[in-house]
């Protein structure tokens, strides 16, 4: 048994001592491996590169069932960016930005609501006003201090 292994990242080749490498779960939900040469690789990409043929040279690795921590070979596939996005929408993993209504981040509150929030200044706390009208505390403060949607 050899006491070192060779890793190749693009055009770079590095001989490293053989050792057990742990995968760590990152905030984004994927497992990542840290190699001694400071190289970090997502576990699902490494598994796909080693075990799944990629004759069409597709760049992205997709989890077929949508579970980021399920890195079984039968659950991974090579896809294009377009295929990856389509899969995310089709499976409900990515619902996108809502186009209409209060769920849209660019939603503007009705003038009536803005006037009520302004009148609440001094009567109620920012938190109470925030809960009552479904507006963040910082947004209530901005409205009440004429920094956002100034209405006389």
Protein backbone atom coordinates (compact mmCIF):
# COMPACT_ATOMS: atom_id res chain seq x y z
CA UNK A 1 0.00 0.00 0.00
CA UNK A 2 1.42 3.35 -1.04
CA UNK A 3 1.88 6.00 1.63
CA UNK A 4 0.82 8.90 -0.59
CA UNK A 5 -1.84 9.71 -3.17
CA UNK A 6 -1.99 12.06 -6.12
CA UNK A 7 -4.74 14.65 -6.47
CA UNK A 8 -5.33 16.62 -9.63
CA UNK A 9 -7.21 19.95 -9.69
CA UNK A 10 -7.30 21.27 -13.23
CA UNK A 11 -3.68 21.45 -14.43
CA UNK A 12 -2.26 21.25 -10.91
CA UNK A 13 -1.13 17.92 -9.53
CA UNK A 14 -0.17 17.48 -5.90
CA UNK A 15 1.17 14.45 -4.02
CA UNK A 16 -0.31 14.23 -0.55
CA UNK A 17 0.12 11.78 2.30
CA UNK A 18 -2.72 9.27 2.55
CA UNK A 19 -5.06 10.08 5.40
CA UNK A 20 -8.74 10.04 6.23
CA UNK A 21 -10.45 13.24 5.07
CA UNK A 22 -13.64 14.39 6.78
CA UNK A 23 -16.49 16.18 5.06
CA UNK A 24 -18.03 19.15 6.89
CA UNK A 25 -21.59 20.39 6.46
CA UNK A 26 -21.59 24.08 5.46
CA UNK A 27 -24.30 26.73 5.99
CA UNK A 28 -25.40 26.39 2.36
CA UNK A 29 -26.41 22.79 3.08
CA UNK A 30 -23.67 20.99 1.12
CA UNK A 31 -20.83 18.85 2.44
CA UNK A 32 -17.37 20.21 1.70
CA UNK A 33 -13.96 18.61 1.96
CA UNK A 34 -10.83 20.56 2.97
CA UNK A 35 -7.64 19.12 1.54
CA UNK A 36 -4.25 19.74 3.19
CA UNK A 37 -3.19 21.94 0.26
CA UNK A 38 -5.96 24.41 1.25
CA UNK A 39 -8.14 23.29 -1.69
CA UNK A 40 -11.86 23.01 -0.83
CA UNK A 41 -14.22 20.86 -2.88
CA UNK A 42 -17.91 20.08 -2.56
CA UNK A 43 -18.31 16.39 -1.81
CA UNK A 44 -21.00 15.83 -4.48
CA UNK A 45 -18.71 17.31 -7.17
CA UNK A 46 -15.84 15.08 -6.10
CA UNK A 47 -18.07 11.98 -6.16
CA UNK A 48 -19.41 12.92 -9.61
CA UNK A 49 -15.91 13.56 -11.00
CA UNK A 50 -14.70 10.18 -9.79
CA UNK A 51 -17.70 7.92 -10.39
CA UNK A 52 -20.06 9.48 -12.97
CA UNK A 53 -19.04 9.77 -16.62
CA UNK A 54 -19.45 13.22 -18.17
CA UNK A 55 -19.19 12.71 -21.95
CA UNK A 56 -20.99 15.99 -22.75
CA UNK A 57 -18.67 18.01 -20.44
CA UNK A 58 -21.53 19.46 -18.42
CA UNK A 59 -20.34 21.68 -15.59
CA UNK A 60 -22.94 21.36 -12.79
CA UNK A 61 -23.77 18.41 -10.55
CA UNK A 62 -27.45 18.03 -9.67
CA UNK A 63 -28.99 16.16 -6.74
CA UNK A 64 -31.88 14.36 -8.46
CA UNK A 65 -34.06 14.15 -5.33
CA UNK A 66 -33.18 17.72 -4.28
CA UNK A 67 -31.64 16.71 -0.96
CA UNK A 68 -28.26 18.44 -0.73
CA UNK A 69 -26.80 15.96 1.74
CA UNK A 70 -27.77 12.85 -0.29
CA UNK A 71 -24.53 12.21 -2.16
CA UNK A 72 -25.22 8.68 -3.38
CA UNK A 73 -23.98 8.04 -6.93
CA UNK A 74 -27.48 7.16 -8.15
CA UNK A 75 -28.75 10.53 -6.86
CA UNK A 76 -26.19 12.66 -8.75
CA UNK A 77 -26.12 13.68 -12.40
CA UNK A 78 -24.20 16.10 -14.62
CA UNK A 79 -26.33 18.99 -15.93
CA UNK A 80 -26.03 22.37 -17.63
CA UNK A 81 -26.89 25.59 -15.78
CA UNK A 82 -30.24 25.72 -17.59
CA UNK A 83 -31.09 22.11 -16.68
CA UNK A 84 -30.09 22.76 -13.06
CA UNK A 85 -32.34 25.85 -12.82
CA UNK A 86 -35.24 24.06 -14.52
CA UNK A 87 -34.92 21.14 -12.08
CA UNK A 88 -34.95 23.53 -9.10
CA UNK A 89 -38.16 25.20 -10.31
CA UNK A 90 -39.86 21.93 -11.33
CA UNK A 91 -39.21 20.30 -7.94
CA UNK A 92 -40.11 23.40 -5.90
CA UNK A 93 -36.58 23.87 -4.57
CA UNK A 94 -36.46 27.39 -5.99
CA UNK A 95 -39.73 29.28 -6.12
CA UNK A 96 -38.16 32.49 -7.38
CA UNK A 97 -39.13 36.04 -6.48
CA UNK A 98 -42.86 36.61 -6.27
CA UNK A 99 -43.96 39.02 -8.97
CA UNK A 100 -47.05 40.48 -7.28
CA UNK A 101 -48.34 41.42 -3.84
CA UNK A 102 -46.78 41.76 -0.42
CA UNK A 103 -44.37 38.87 -1.03
CA UNK A 104 -42.53 40.88 -3.68
CA UNK A 105 -39.49 42.61 -2.11
CA UNK A 106 -40.24 45.77 -4.13
CA UNK A 107 -43.81 45.95 -2.78
CA UNK A 108 -44.92 49.46 -1.79
CA UNK A 109 -47.36 49.79 1.07
CA UNK A 110 -50.60 51.65 0.35
CA UNK A 111 -50.67 55.34 1.26
CA UNK A 112 -53.38 54.57 3.84
CA UNK A 113 -51.06 52.18 5.69
CA UNK A 114 -48.17 54.67 5.59
CA UNK A 115 -50.38 57.38 7.13
CA UNK A 116 -51.51 55.00 9.91
CA UNK A 117 -47.90 54.06 10.68
CA UNK A 118 -46.98 57.77 10.88
CA UNK A 119 -49.89 58.47 13.28
CA UNK A 120 -48.80 55.57 15.50
CA UNK A 121 -45.53 57.38 16.33
CA UNK A 122 -45.45 58.10 20.06
CA UNK A 123 -48.64 56.08 20.74
CA UNK A 124 -47.21 52.59 20.23
CA UNK A 125 -43.74 51.05 20.29
CA UNK A 126 -41.98 50.32 17.02
CA UNK A 127 -42.40 46.57 17.66
CA UNK A 128 -46.16 46.88 18.26
CA UNK A 129 -46.64 48.99 15.13
CA UNK A 130 -44.47 46.55 13.18
CA UNK A 131 -46.60 43.57 14.18
CA UNK A 132 -49.87 45.42 13.65
CA UNK A 133 -49.11 46.39 10.03
CA UNK A 134 -46.80 43.54 9.05
CA UNK A 135 -43.82 45.84 8.44
CA UNK A 136 -40.29 45.37 9.79
CA UNK A 137 -39.29 47.48 12.79
CA UNK A 138 -36.60 49.28 10.78
CA UNK A 139 -39.13 50.07 8.04
CA UNK A 140 -41.58 51.49 10.61
CA UNK A 141 -38.80 53.69 12.01
CA UNK A 142 -37.88 54.92 8.51
CA UNK A 143 -41.51 55.78 7.70
CA UNK A 144 -42.04 57.57 11.02
CA UNK A 145 -38.85 59.60 10.54
CA UNK A 146 -39.63 60.58 6.94
CA UNK A 147 -36.79 58.51 5.48
CA UNK A 148 -39.04 56.24 3.46
CA UNK A 149 -42.25 56.99 1.50
CA UNK A 150 -42.62 60.57 2.73
CA UNK A 151 -46.30 61.46 2.88
CA UNK A 152 -47.44 64.61 4.67
